[in-house]
Amino acid sequence: MEEHMSIEQATSINEVKDFANMTDLEKKHVPMIHIGGTPRAGEFFEVTVWVGEQMAHPNEAEHHIEFIDLYLDDRFLSRCDLTWGYTDPKVTFSVRVDGPGRLRAYERCNLHGDWTNSVELSL
């Protein structure tokens, strides 16, 4: 059974409160962040963001992920726009940063709004 969000949830940015006890809705929507290799300041490294890693997210006209954004602290790094039916909401960005910070991914589901997750980036 599909879980539905309240108006308040759909108009705010949603985050998982307890990763050990995620709901099905959270499992389908949380953008999981994976850092490849050992990042170094000033050098490119890969960051993979996967929506639906815990539980597959639908990918059809009526229910899909529209985009995935990546930030370091408040600095916008990149966006990937997705087309339902033809793309998987799993994106690898090649980024270069000058120092440590908090990597944050945002994604938008056309039905369930905006979701975010973050990880600390140490260099």
PDB file of N, CA and C in Angstrom:
ATOM      1  N   MET A   1       0.833  -1.178   0.000  1.00  0.00           N
ATOM      2  CA  MET A   1       0.000   0.000   0.000  1.00  0.00           C
ATOM      3  C   MET A   1       0.881   1.247   0.000  1.00  0.00           C
ATOM      4  N   GLU A   2       0.596   2.186  -0.875  1.00  0.00           N
ATOM      5  CA  GLU A   2       1.347   3.431  -0.981  1.00  0.00           C
ATOM      6  C   GLU A   2       1.047   4.325   0.215  1.00  0.00           C
ATOM      7  N   GLU A   3       2.103   4.850   0.828  1.00  0.00           N
ATOM      8  CA  GLU A   3       1.936   5.787   1.928  1.00  0.00           C
ATOM      9  C   GLU A   3       1.775   7.181   1.345  1.00  0.00           C
ATOM     10  N   HIS A   4       0.970   8.003   1.992  1.00  0.00           N
ATOM     11  CA  HIS A   4       0.770   9.372   1.533  1.00  0.00           C
ATOM     12  C   HIS A   4       1.207  10.337   2.613  1.00  0.00           C
ATOM     13  N   MET A   5       1.665  11.504   2.178  1.00  0.00           N
ATOM     14  CA  MET A   5       2.167  12.512   3.095  1.00  0.00           C
ATOM     15  C   MET A   5       1.109  13.562   3.360  1.00  0.00           C
ATOM     16  N   SER A   6       1.270  14.229   4.490  1.00  0.00           N
ATOM     17  CA  SER A   6       0.385  15.340   4.819  1.00  0.00           C
ATOM     18  C   SER A   6       0.751  16.550   3.968  1.00  0.00           C
ATOM     19  N   ILE A   7      -0.117  17.558   3.939  1.00  0.00           N
ATOM     20  CA  ILE A   7       0.166  18.803   3.229  1.00  0.00           C
ATOM     21  C   ILE A   7       1.439  19.440   3.772  1.00  0.00           C
ATOM     22  N   GLU A   8       1.626  19.416   5.093  1.00  0.00           N
ATOM     23  CA  GLU A   8       2.819  20.005   5.705  1.00  0.00           C
ATOM     24  C   GLU A   8       4.081  19.307   5.216  1.00  0.00           C
ATOM     25  N   GLN A   9       4.051  17.989   5.119  1.00  0.00           N
ATOM     26  CA  GLN A   9       5.212  17.240   4.643  1.00  0.00           C
ATOM     27  C   GLN A   9       5.488  17.531   3.174  1.00  0.00           C
ATOM     28  N   ALA A  10       4.448  17.632   2.380  1.00  0.00           N
ATOM     29  CA  ALA A  10       4.612  17.834   0.942  1.00  0.00           C
ATOM     30  C   ALA A  10       5.106  19.235   0.601  1.00  0.00           C
ATOM     31  N   THR A  11       4.947  20.202   1.496  1.00  0.00           N
ATOM     32  CA  THR A  11       5.383  21.572   1.224  1.00  0.00           C
ATOM     33  C   THR A  11       6.661  21.928   1.966  1.00  0.00           C
ATOM     34  N   SER A  12       7.295  20.954   2.601  1.00  0.00           N
ATOM     35  CA  SER A  12       8.562  21.191   3.288  1.00  0.00           C
ATOM     36  C   SER A  12       9.599  20.222   2.731  1.00  0.00           C
ATOM     37  N   ILE A  13      10.820  20.350   3.218  1.00  0.00           N
ATOM     38  CA  ILE A  13      11.858  19.407   2.814  1.00  0.00           C
ATOM     39  C   ILE A  13      11.892  18.290   3.836  1.00  0.00           C
ATOM     40  N   ASN A  14      11.705  17.082   3.379  1.00  0.00           N
ATOM     41  CA  ASN A  14      11.600  15.917   4.252  1.00  0.00           C
ATOM     42  C   ASN A  14      12.957  15.268   4.477  1.00  0.00           C
ATOM     43  N   GLU A  15      13.180  14.795   5.703  1.00  0.00           N
ATOM     44  CA  GLU A  15      14.397  14.078   6.073  1.00  0.00           C
ATOM     45  C   GLU A  15      14.015  12.856   6.888  1.00  0.00           C
ATOM     46  N   VAL A  16      14.829  11.821   6.797  1.00  0.00           N
ATOM     47  CA  VAL A  16      14.631  10.633   7.625  1.00  0.00           C
ATOM     48  C   VAL A  16      15.070  10.973   9.042  1.00  0.00           C
ATOM     49  N   LYS A  17      14.231  10.664  10.007  1.00  0.00           N
ATOM     50  CA  LYS A  17      14.552  10.944  11.414  1.00  0.00           C
ATOM     51  C   LYS A  17      15.296   9.787  12.067  1.00  0.00           C
ATOM     52  N   ASP A  18      14.976   8.562  11.659  1.00  0.00           N
ATOM     53  CA  ASP A  18      15.561   7.380  12.284  1.00  0.00           C
ATOM     54  C   ASP A  18      15.889   6.355  11.197  1.00  0.00           C
ATOM     55  N   PHE A  19      17.157   6.318  10.770  1.00  0.00           N
ATOM     56  CA  PHE A  19      17.556   5.416   9.681  1.00  0.00           C
ATOM     57  C   PHE A  19      17.391   3.944  10.046  1.00  0.00           C
ATOM     58  N   ALA A  20      17.380   3.615  11.320  1.00  0.00           N
ATOM     59  CA  ALA A  20      17.212   2.221  11.741  1.00  0.00           C
ATOM     60  C   ALA A  20      15.761   1.761  11.620  1.00  0.00           C
ATOM     61  N   ASN A  21      14.833   2.707  11.548  1.00  0.00           N
ATOM     62  CA  ASN A  21      13.406   2.365  11.508  1.00  0.00           C
ATOM     63  C   ASN A  21      12.683   3.172  10.430  1.00  0.00           C
ATOM     64  N   MET A  22      13.193   3.140   9.208  1.00  0.00           N
ATOM     65  CA  MET A  22      12.579   3.917   8.136  1.00  0.00           C
ATOM     66  C   MET A  22      11.246   3.317   7.702  1.00  0.00           C
ATOM     67  N   THR A  23      10.314   4.195   7.363  1.00  0.00           N
ATOM     68  CA  THR A  23       9.051   3.760   6.773  1.00  0.00           C
ATOM     69  C   THR A  23       9.298   3.423   5.303  1.00  0.00           C
ATOM     70  N   ASP A  24       8.353   2.752   4.671  1.00  0.00           N
ATOM     71  CA  ASP A  24       8.475   2.456   3.244  1.00  0.00           C
ATOM     72  C   ASP A  24       8.565   3.750   2.437  1.00  0.00           C
ATOM     73  N   LEU A  25       7.805   4.763   2.823  1.00  0.00           N
ATOM     74  CA  LEU A  25       7.850   6.054   2.146  1.00  0.00           C
ATOM     75  C   LEU A  25       9.257   6.639   2.208  1.00  0.00           C
ATOM     76  N   GLU A  26       9.882   6.589   3.370  1.00  0.00           N
ATOM     77  CA  GLU A  26      11.246   7.096   3.525  1.00  0.00           C
ATOM     78  C   GLU A  26      12.239   6.267   2.714  1.00  0.00           C
ATOM     79  N   LYS A  27      12.097   4.948   2.744  1.00  0.00           N
ATOM     80  CA  LYS A  27      13.007   4.074   1.990  1.00  0.00           C
ATOM     81  C   LYS A  27      12.973   4.378   0.497  1.00  0.00           C
ATOM     82  N   LYS A  28      11.813   4.734  -0.026  1.00  0.00           N
ATOM     83  CA  LYS A  28      11.672   5.030  -1.451  1.00  0.00           C
ATOM     84  C   LYS A  28      12.204   6.408  -1.822  1.00  0.00           C
ATOM     85  N   HIS A  29      12.283   7.318  -0.852  1.00  0.00           N
ATOM     86  CA  HIS A  29      12.565   8.715  -1.181  1.00  0.00           C
ATOM     87  C   HIS A  29      13.879   9.287  -0.670  1.00  0.00           C
ATOM     88  N   VAL A  30      14.492   8.697   0.338  1.00  0.00           N
ATOM     89  CA  VAL A  30      15.721   9.297   0.877  1.00  0.00           C
ATOM     90  C   VAL A  30      16.854   9.177  -0.144  1.00  0.00           C
ATOM     91  N   PRO A  31      17.525  10.294  -0.458  1.00  0.00           N
ATOM     92  CA  PRO A  31      18.675  10.213  -1.357  1.00  0.00           C
ATOM     93  C   PRO A  31      19.913   9.744  -0.590  1.00  0.00           C
ATOM     94  N   MET A  32      20.352   8.537  -0.874  1.00  0.00           N
ATOM     95  CA  MET A  32      21.532   7.983  -0.211  1.00  0.00           C
ATOM     96  C   MET A  32      22.780   8.479  -0.938  1.00  0.00           C
ATOM     97  N   ILE A  33      23.792   8.891  -0.169  1.00  0.00           N
ATOM     98  CA  ILE A  33      24.999   9.506  -0.722  1.00  0.00           C
ATOM     99  C   ILE A  33      26.190   8.587  -0.487  1.00  0.00           C
ATOM    100  N   HIS A  34      26.941   8.315  -1.556  1.00  0.00           N
ATOM    101  CA  HIS A  34      28.138   7.475  -1.475  1.00  0.00           C
ATOM    102  C   HIS A  34      29.313   8.239  -2.079  1.00  0.00           C
ATOM    103  N   ILE A  35      30.394   8.353  -1.325  1.00  0.00           N
ATOM    104  CA  ILE A  35      31.598   9.049  -1.776  1.00  0.00           C
ATOM    105  C   ILE A  35      32.599   8.008  -2.257  1.00  0.00           C
ATOM    106  N   GLY A  36      33.072   8.180  -3.485  1.00  0.00           N
ATOM    107  CA  GLY A  36      34.011   7.224  -4.064  1.00  0.00           C
ATOM    108  C   GLY A  36      35.456   7.553  -3.731  1.00  0.00           C
ATOM    109  N   GLY A  37      36.205   6.528  -3.363  1.00  0.00           N
ATOM    110  CA  GLY A  37      37.636   6.699  -3.117  1.00  0.00           C
ATOM    111  C   GLY A  37      37.940   7.555  -1.903  1.00  0.00           C
ATOM    112  N   THR A  38      39.104   8.200  -1.951  1.00  0.00           N
ATOM    113  CA  THR A  38      39.543   9.091  -0.878  1.00  0.00           C
ATOM    114  C   THR A  38      39.631  10.501  -1.448  1.00  0.00           C
ATOM    115  N   PRO A  39      38.616  11.331  -1.209  1.00  0.00           N
ATOM    116  CA  PRO A  39      38.624  12.686  -1.769  1.00  0.00           C
ATOM    117  C   PRO A  39      39.796  13.515  -1.246  1.00  0.00           C
ATOM    118  N   ARG A  40      40.353  14.337  -2.146  1.00  0.00           N
ATOM    119  CA  ARG A  40      41.429  15.260  -1.787  1.00  0.00           C
ATOM    120  C   ARG A  40      41.047  16.654  -2.288  1.00  0.00           C
ATOM    121  N   ALA A  41      41.380  17.663  -1.505  1.00  0.00           N
ATOM    122  CA  ALA A  41      41.085  19.044  -1.885  1.00  0.00           C
ATOM    123  C   ALA A  41      41.683  19.352  -3.253  1.00  0.00           C
ATOM    124  N   GLY A  42      40.875  19.979  -4.112  1.00  0.00           N
ATOM    125  CA  GLY A  42      41.342  20.389  -5.428  1.00  0.00           C
ATOM    126  C   GLY A  42      41.359  19.303  -6.479  1.00  0.00           C
ATOM    127  N   GLU A  43      41.010  18.069  -6.127  1.00  0.00           N
ATOM    128  CA  GLU A  43      40.993  16.963  -7.088  1.00  0.00           C
ATOM    129  C   GLU A  43      39.568  16.445  -7.268  1.00  0.00           C
ATOM    130  N   PHE A  44      39.251  16.014  -8.481  1.00  0.00           N
ATOM    131  CA  PHE A  44      37.921  15.473  -8.744  1.00  0.00           C
ATOM    132  C   PHE A  44      37.749  14.113  -8.075  1.00  0.00           C
ATOM    133  N   PHE A  45      36.550  13.883  -7.564  1.00  0.00           N
ATOM    134  CA  PHE A  45      36.171  12.592  -7.007  1.00  0.00           C
ATOM    135  C   PHE A  45      34.697  12.379  -7.308  1.00  0.00           C
ATOM    136  N   GLU A  46      34.256  11.139  -7.152  1.00  0.00           N
ATOM    137  CA  GLU A  46      32.872  10.806  -7.488  1.00  0.00           C
ATOM    138  C   GLU A  46      31.978  10.760  -6.261  1.00  0.00           C
ATOM    139  N   VAL A  47      30.783  11.294  -6.447  1.00  0.00           N
ATOM    140  CA  VAL A  47      29.729  11.222  -5.438  1.00  0.00           C
ATOM    141  C   VAL A  47      28.509  10.629  -6.127  1.00  0.00           C
ATOM    142  N   THR A  48      28.031   9.501  -5.627  1.00  0.00           N
ATOM    143  CA  THR A  48      26.842   8.866  -6.185  1.00  0.00           C
ATOM    144  C   THR A  48      25.667   9.105  -5.253  1.00  0.00           C
ATOM    145  N   VAL A  49      24.559   9.548  -5.829  1.00  0.00           N
ATOM    146  CA  VAL A  49      23.317   9.754  -5.084  1.00  0.00           C
ATOM    147  C   VAL A  49      22.291   8.810  -5.683  1.00  0.00           C
ATOM    148  N   TRP A  50      21.668   8.011  -4.814  1.00  0.00           N
ATOM    149  CA  TRP A  50      20.726   6.990  -5.262  1.00  0.00           C
ATOM    150  C   TRP A  50      19.426   7.136  -4.482  1.00  0.00           C
ATOM    151  N   VAL A  51      18.365   7.460  -5.186  1.00  0.00           N
ATOM    152  CA  VAL A  51      17.027   7.529  -4.596  1.00  0.00           C
ATOM    153  C   VAL A  51      16.368   6.179  -4.837  1.00  0.00           C
ATOM    154  N   GLY A  52      15.917   5.542  -3.764  1.00  0.00           N
ATOM    155  CA  GLY A  52      15.310   4.226  -3.887  1.00  0.00           C
ATOM    156  C   GLY A  52      16.288   3.091  -3.676  1.00  0.00           C
ATOM    157  N   GLU A  53      17.442   3.382  -3.112  1.00  0.00           N
ATOM    158  CA  GLU A  53      18.417   2.320  -2.828  1.00  0.00           C
ATOM    159  C   GLU A  53      17.842   1.323  -1.827  1.00  0.00           C
ATOM    160  N   GLN A  54      17.122   1.810  -0.847  1.00  0.00           N
ATOM    161  CA  GLN A  54      16.546   0.960   0.198  1.00  0.00           C
ATOM    162  C   GLN A  54      15.298   0.217  -0.280  1.00  0.00           C
ATOM    163  N   MET A  55      14.532   0.858  -1.176  1.00  0.00           N
ATOM    164  CA  MET A  55      13.309   0.273  -1.747  1.00  0.00           C
ATOM    165  C   MET A  55      13.045   1.027  -3.052  1.00  0.00           C
ATOM    166  N   ALA A  56      12.873   0.310  -4.130  1.00  0.00           N
ATOM    167  CA  ALA A  56      12.738   0.941  -5.447  1.00  0.00           C
ATOM    168  C   ALA A  56      11.615   1.970  -5.484  1.00  0.00           C
ATOM    169  N   HIS A  57      11.922   3.106  -6.089  1.00  0.00           N
ATOM    170  CA  HIS A  57      10.931   4.165  -6.275  1.00  0.00           C
ATOM    171  C   HIS A  57      10.256   3.969  -7.630  1.00  0.00           C
ATOM    172  N   PRO A  58       8.934   4.183  -7.728  1.00  0.00           N
ATOM    173  CA  PRO A  58       8.260   4.081  -9.027  1.00  0.00           C
ATOM    174  C   PRO A  58       8.879   5.048 -10.043  1.00  0.00           C
ATOM    175  N   ASN A  59       8.759   4.700 -11.317  1.00  0.00           N
ATOM    176  CA  ASN A  59       9.334   5.516 -12.380  1.00  0.00           C
ATOM    177  C   ASN A  59       8.356   5.556 -13.555  1.00  0.00           C
ATOM    178  N   GLU A  60       7.215   6.191 -13.307  1.00  0.00           N
ATOM    179  CA  GLU A  60       6.149   6.262 -14.305  1.00  0.00           C
ATOM    180  C   GLU A  60       5.582   7.679 -14.322  1.00  0.00           C
ATOM    181  N   ALA A  61       4.778   7.990 -15.307  1.00  0.00           N
ATOM    182  CA  ALA A  61       4.248   9.352 -15.460  1.00  0.00           C
ATOM    183  C   ALA A  61       3.565   9.848 -14.192  1.00  0.00           C
ATOM    184  N   GLU A  62       2.828   8.983 -13.525  1.00  0.00           N
ATOM    185  CA  GLU A  62       2.057   9.385 -12.353  1.00  0.00           C
ATOM    186  C   GLU A  62       2.901   9.523 -11.091  1.00  0.00           C
ATOM    187  N   HIS A  63       4.110   8.948 -11.071  1.00  0.00           N
ATOM    188  CA  HIS A  63       4.930   8.941  -9.848  1.00  0.00           C
ATOM    189  C   HIS A  63       6.389   8.722 -10.239  1.00  0.00           C
ATOM    190  N   HIS A  64       7.210   9.763 -10.073  1.00  0.00           N
ATOM    191  CA  HIS A  64       8.613   9.664 -10.477  1.00  0.00           C
ATOM    192  C   HIS A  64       9.465  10.723  -9.779  1.00  0.00           C
ATOM    193  N   ILE A  65      10.780  10.553  -9.878  1.00  0.00           N
ATOM    194  CA  ILE A  65      11.736  11.526  -9.363  1.00  0.00           C
ATOM    195  C   ILE A  65      12.050  12.501 -10.492  1.00  0.00           C
ATOM    196  N   GLU A  66      11.933  13.804 -10.211  1.00  0.00           N
ATOM    197  CA  GLU A  66      12.141  14.827 -11.234  1.00  0.00           C
ATOM    198  C   GLU A  66      13.602  15.246 -11.371  1.00  0.00           C
ATOM    199  N   PHE A  67      14.303  15.395 -10.238  1.00  0.00           N
ATOM    200  CA  PHE A  67      15.707  15.810 -10.301  1.00  0.00           C
ATOM    201  C   PHE A  67      16.422  15.436  -9.016  1.00  0.00           C
ATOM    202  N   ILE A  68      17.752  15.471  -9.076  1.00  0.00           N
ATOM    203  CA  ILE A  68      18.619  15.292  -7.911  1.00  0.00           C
ATOM    204  C   ILE A  68      19.635  16.433  -7.934  1.00  0.00           C
ATOM    205  N   ASP A  69      19.749  17.158  -6.819  1.00  0.00           N
ATOM    206  CA  ASP A  69      20.723  18.243  -6.660  1.00  0.00           C
ATOM    207  C   ASP A  69      21.779  17.833  -5.655  1.00  0.00           C
ATOM    208  N   LEU A  70      22.983  18.386  -5.816  1.00  0.00           N
ATOM    209  CA  LEU A  70      24.070  18.139  -4.875  1.00  0.00           C
ATOM    210  C   LEU A  70      24.677  19.470  -4.447  1.00  0.00           C
ATOM    211  N   TYR A  71      24.863  19.625  -3.127  1.00  0.00           N
ATOM    212  CA  TYR A  71      25.449  20.829  -2.532  1.00  0.00           C
ATOM    213  C   TYR A  71      26.602  20.437  -1.620  1.00  0.00           C
ATOM    214  N   LEU A  72      27.541  21.355  -1.443  1.00  0.00           N
ATOM    215  CA  LEU A  72      28.526  21.279  -0.364  1.00  0.00           C
ATOM    216  C   LEU A  72      28.230  22.477   0.512  1.00  0.00           C
ATOM    217  N   ASP A  73      27.782  22.213   1.736  1.00  0.00           N
ATOM    218  CA  ASP A  73      27.273  23.263   2.620  1.00  0.00           C
ATOM    219  C   ASP A  73      26.200  24.033   1.845  1.00  0.00           C
ATOM    220  N   ASP A  74      26.347  25.347   1.664  1.00  0.00           N
ATOM    221  CA  ASP A  74      25.341  26.130   0.934  1.00  0.00           C
ATOM    222  C   ASP A  74      25.691  26.336  -0.535  1.00  0.00           C
ATOM    223  N   ARG A  75      26.772  25.721  -0.996  1.00  0.00           N
ATOM    224  CA  ARG A  75      27.222  25.912  -2.380  1.00  0.00           C
ATOM    225  C   ARG A  75      26.611  24.844  -3.282  1.00  0.00           C
ATOM    226  N   PHE A  76      25.875  25.312  -4.297  1.00  0.00           N
ATOM    227  CA  PHE A  76      25.305  24.406  -5.291  1.00  0.00           C
ATOM    228  C   PHE A  76      26.434  23.830  -6.137  1.00  0.00           C
ATOM    229  N   LEU A  77      26.466  22.502  -6.288  1.00  0.00           N
ATOM    230  CA  LEU A  77      27.489  21.842  -7.097  1.00  0.00           C
ATOM    231  C   LEU A  77      26.945  21.374  -8.441  1.00  0.00           C
ATOM    232  N   SER A  78      25.783  20.705  -8.426  1.00  0.00           N
ATOM    233  CA  SER A  78      25.297  20.140  -9.680  1.00  0.00           C
ATOM    234  C   SER A  78      23.847  19.687  -9.556  1.00  0.00           C
ATOM    235  N   ARG A  79      23.214  19.532 -10.722  1.00  0.00           N
ATOM    236  CA  ARG A  79      21.853  18.990 -10.794  1.00  0.00           C
ATOM    237  C   ARG A  79      21.782  17.990 -11.940  1.00  0.00           C
ATOM    238  N   CYS A  80      20.981  16.957 -11.721  1.00  0.00           N
ATOM    239  CA  CYS A  80      20.656  16.021 -12.792  1.00  0.00           C
ATOM    240  C   CYS A  80      19.135  15.971 -12.911  1.00  0.00           C
ATOM    241  N   ASP A  81      18.608  16.399 -14.067  1.00  0.00           N
ATOM    242  CA  ASP A  81      17.179  16.289 -14.344  1.00  0.00           C
ATOM    243  C   ASP A  81      16.912  14.898 -14.894  1.00  0.00           C
ATOM    244  N   LEU A  82      15.816  14.300 -14.440  1.00  0.00           N
ATOM    245  CA  LEU A  82      15.493  12.921 -14.811  1.00  0.00           C
ATOM    246  C   LEU A  82      14.199  12.865 -15.617  1.00  0.00           C
ATOM    247  N   THR A  83      14.136  11.939 -16.543  1.00  0.00           N
ATOM    248  CA  THR A  83      12.948  11.720 -17.361  1.00  0.00           C
ATOM    249  C   THR A  83      12.334  10.385 -16.963  1.00  0.00           C
ATOM    250  N   TRP A  84      11.070  10.404 -16.534  1.00  0.00           N
ATOM    251  CA  TRP A  84      10.440   9.168 -16.067  1.00  0.00           C
ATOM    252  C   TRP A  84      10.444   8.142 -17.204  1.00  0.00           C
ATOM    253  N   GLY A  85      10.605   6.894 -16.789  1.00  0.00           N
ATOM    254  CA  GLY A  85      10.562   5.790 -17.736  1.00  0.00           C
ATOM    255  C   GLY A  85      11.868   5.506 -18.452  1.00  0.00           C
ATOM    256  N   TYR A  86      12.768   6.499 -18.515  1.00  0.00           N
ATOM    257  CA  TYR A  86      14.015   6.336 -19.263  1.00  0.00           C
ATOM    258  C   TYR A  86      15.263   6.452 -18.406  1.00  0.00           C
ATOM    259  N   THR A  87      15.128   6.927 -17.182  1.00  0.00           N
ATOM    260  CA  THR A  87      16.293   7.115 -16.312  1.00  0.00           C
ATOM    261  C   THR A  87      16.037   6.499 -14.948  1.00  0.00           C
ATOM    262  N   ASP A  88      17.110   6.055 -14.326  1.00  0.00           N
ATOM    263  CA  ASP A  88      17.059   5.515 -12.970  1.00  0.00           C
ATOM    264  C   ASP A  88      17.505   6.636 -12.030  1.00  0.00           C
ATOM    265  N   PRO A  89      16.845   6.833 -10.898  1.00  0.00           N
ATOM    266  CA  PRO A  89      17.254   7.916  -9.994  1.00  0.00           C
ATOM    267  C   PRO A  89      18.516   7.568  -9.203  1.00  0.00           C
ATOM    268  N   LYS A  90      19.560   7.243  -9.940  1.00  0.00           N
ATOM    269  CA  LYS A  90      20.884   6.969  -9.385  1.00  0.00           C
ATOM    270  C   LYS A  90      21.874   7.724 -10.263  1.00  0.00           C
ATOM    271  N   VAL A  91      22.562   8.695  -9.665  1.00  0.00           N
ATOM    272  CA  VAL A  91      23.397   9.613 -10.427  1.00  0.00           C
ATOM    273  C   VAL A  91      24.781   9.687  -9.803  1.00  0.00           C
ATOM    274  N   THR A  92      25.813   9.688 -10.642  1.00  0.00           N
ATOM    275  CA  THR A  92      27.177   9.888 -10.156  1.00  0.00           C
ATOM    276  C   THR A  92      27.680  11.233 -10.665  1.00  0.00           C
ATOM    277  N   PHE A  93      28.055  12.089  -9.720  1.00  0.00           N
ATOM    278  CA  PHE A  93      28.609  13.404 -10.025  1.00  0.00           C
ATOM    279  C   PHE A  93      30.122  13.342  -9.858  1.00  0.00           C
ATOM    280  N   SER A  94      30.851  14.016 -10.719  1.00  0.00           N
ATOM    281  CA  SER A  94      32.291  14.191 -10.552  1.00  0.00           C
ATOM    282  C   SER A  94      32.492  15.623 -10.077  1.00  0.00           C
ATOM    283  N   VAL A  95      32.982  15.781  -8.853  1.00  0.00           N
ATOM    284  CA  VAL A  95      33.082  17.115  -8.252  1.00  0.00           C
ATOM    285  C   VAL A  95      34.485  17.369  -7.710  1.00  0.00           C
ATOM    286  N   ARG A  96      34.801  18.641  -7.568  1.00  0.00           N
ATOM    287  CA  ARG A  96      36.065  19.068  -6.974  1.00  0.00           C
ATOM    288  C   ARG A  96      35.731  20.137  -5.947  1.00  0.00           C
ATOM    289  N   VAL A  97      36.273  20.002  -4.752  1.00  0.00           N
ATOM    290  CA  VAL A  97      36.032  20.981  -3.692  1.00  0.00           C
ATOM    291  C   VAL A  97      37.370  21.397  -3.083  1.00  0.00           C
ATOM    292  N   ASP A  98      37.354  22.539  -2.398  1.00  0.00           N
ATOM    293  CA  ASP A  98      38.582  23.074  -1.807  1.00  0.00           C
ATOM    294  C   ASP A  98      38.814  22.640  -0.374  1.00  0.00           C
ATOM    295  N   GLY A  99      37.748  22.181   0.285  1.00  0.00           N
ATOM    296  CA  GLY A  99      37.911  21.804   1.679  1.00  0.00           C
ATOM    297  C   GLY A  99      36.753  20.951   2.157  1.00  0.00           C
ATOM    298  N   PRO A 100      36.805  20.549   3.421  1.00  0.00           N
ATOM    299  CA  PRO A 100      35.747  19.701   3.970  1.00  0.00           C
ATOM    300  C   PRO A 100      34.435  20.468   4.105  1.00  0.00           C
ATOM    301  N   GLY A 101      33.378  19.724   4.344  1.00  0.00           N
ATOM    302  CA  GLY A 101      32.057  20.327   4.535  1.00  0.00           C
ATOM    303  C   GLY A 101      31.003  19.247   4.567  1.00  0.00           C
ATOM    304  N   ARG A 102      29.769  19.672   4.452  1.00  0.00           N
ATOM    305  CA  ARG A 102      28.643  18.745   4.482  1.00  0.00           C
ATOM    306  C   ARG A 102      28.092  18.605   3.072  1.00  0.00           C
ATOM    307  N   LEU A 103      28.185  17.392   2.505  1.00  0.00           N
ATOM    308  CA  LEU A 103      27.559  17.108   1.212  1.00  0.00           C
ATOM    309  C   LEU A 103      26.085  16.846   1.458  1.00  0.00           C
ATOM    310  N   ARG A 104      25.236  17.542   0.720  1.00  0.00           N
ATOM    311  CA  ARG A 104      23.792  17.382   0.884  1.00  0.00           C
ATOM    312  C   ARG A 104      23.164  17.152  -0.483  1.00  0.00           C
ATOM    313  N   ALA A 105      22.325  16.122  -0.551  1.00  0.00           N
ATOM    314  CA  ALA A 105      21.573  15.832  -1.774  1.00  0.00           C
ATOM    315  C   ALA A 105      20.106  16.170  -1.532  1.00  0.00           C
ATOM    316  N   TYR A 106      19.480  16.717  -2.553  1.00  0.00           N
ATOM    317  CA  TYR A 106      18.042  16.981  -2.553  1.00  0.00           C
ATOM    318  C   TYR A 106      17.455  16.265  -3.750  1.00  0.00           C
ATOM    319  N   GLU A 107      16.252  15.759  -3.587  1.00  0.00           N
ATOM    320  CA  GLU A 107      15.527  15.193  -4.725  1.00  0.00           C
ATOM    321  C   GLU A 107      14.077  15.613  -4.632  1.00  0.00           C
ATOM    322  N   ARG A 108      13.427  15.641  -5.789  1.00  0.00           N
ATOM    323  CA  ARG A 108      12.006  15.985  -5.817  1.00  0.00           C
ATOM    324  C   ARG A 108      11.218  14.861  -6.459  1.00  0.00           C
ATOM    325  N   CYS A 109      10.240  14.372  -5.707  1.00  0.00           N
ATOM    326  CA  CYS A 109       9.262  13.406  -6.204  1.00  0.00           C
ATOM    327  C   CYS A 109       8.024  14.201  -6.618  1.00  0.00           C
ATOM    328  N   ASN A 110       7.477  13.892  -7.779  1.00  0.00           N
ATOM    329  CA  ASN A 110       6.326  14.656  -8.250  1.00  0.00           C
ATOM    330  C   ASN A 110       5.099  14.483  -7.356  1.00  0.00           C
ATOM    331  N   LEU A 111       5.035  13.420  -6.557  1.00  0.00           N
ATOM    332  CA  LEU A 111       3.903  13.216  -5.646  1.00  0.00           C
ATOM    333  C   LEU A 111       4.211  13.543  -4.194  1.00  0.00           C
ATOM    334  N   HIS A 112       5.419  13.252  -3.746  1.00  0.00           N
ATOM    335  CA  HIS A 112       5.735  13.323  -2.318  1.00  0.00           C
ATOM    336  C   HIS A 112       6.709  14.426  -1.949  1.00  0.00           C
ATOM    337  N   GLY A 113       6.975  15.337  -2.868  1.00  0.00           N
ATOM    338  CA  GLY A 113       7.739  16.529  -2.542  1.00  0.00           C
ATOM    339  C   GLY A 113       9.239  16.334  -2.466  1.00  0.00           C
ATOM    340  N   ASP A 114       9.871  17.266  -1.754  1.00  0.00           N
ATOM    341  CA  ASP A 114      11.326  17.336  -1.659  1.00  0.00           C
ATOM    342  C   ASP A 114      11.847  16.532  -0.477  1.00  0.00           C
ATOM    343  N   TRP A 115      12.983  15.843  -0.725  1.00  0.00           N
ATOM    344  CA  TRP A 115      13.638  15.024   0.298  1.00  0.00           C
ATOM    345  C   TRP A 115      15.118  15.345   0.300  1.00  0.00           C
ATOM    346  N   THR A 116      15.754  15.236   1.462  1.00  0.00           N
ATOM    347  CA  THR A 116      17.176  15.519   1.561  1.00  0.00           C
ATOM    348  C   THR A 116      17.868  14.533   2.487  1.00  0.00           C
ATOM    349  N   ASN A 117      19.168  14.454   2.316  1.00  0.00           N
ATOM    350  CA  ASN A 117      20.033  13.668   3.185  1.00  0.00           C
ATOM    351  C   ASN A 117      21.418  14.284   3.064  1.00  0.00           C
ATOM    352  N   SER A 118      22.258  14.088   4.070  1.00  0.00           N
ATOM    353  CA  SER A 118      23.597  14.664   4.005  1.00  0.00           C
ATOM    354  C   SER A 118      24.612  13.757   4.681  1.00  0.00           C
ATOM    355  N   VAL A 119      25.874  13.948   4.298  1.00  0.00           N
ATOM    356  CA  VAL A 119      26.998  13.244   4.914  1.00  0.00           C
ATOM    357  C   VAL A 119      28.133  14.247   5.071  1.00  0.00           C
ATOM    358  N   GLU A 120      28.943  14.028   6.076  1.00  0.00           N
ATOM    359  CA  GLU A 120      30.109  14.882   6.298  1.00  0.00           C
ATOM    360  C   GLU A 120      31.211  14.466   5.331  1.00  0.00           C
ATOM    361  N   LEU A 121      31.840  15.447   4.691  1.00  0.00           N
ATOM    362  CA  LEU A 121      32.950  15.200   3.781  1.00  0.00           C
ATOM    363  C   LEU A 121      34.232  15.637   4.468  1.00  0.00           C
ATOM    364  N   SER A 122      35.112  14.684   4.708  1.00  0.00           N
ATOM    365  CA  SER A 122      36.420  14.974   5.306  1.00  0.00           C
ATOM    366  C   SER A 122      37.478  14.850   4.229  1.00  0.00           C
ATOM    367  N   LEU A 123      38.423  15.760   4.225  1.00  0.00           N
ATOM    368  CA  LEU A 123      39.511  15.710   3.232  1.00  0.00           C
ATOM    369  C   LEU A 123      40.835  15.561   3.937  1.00  0.00           C
TER     370      LEU A 123
END
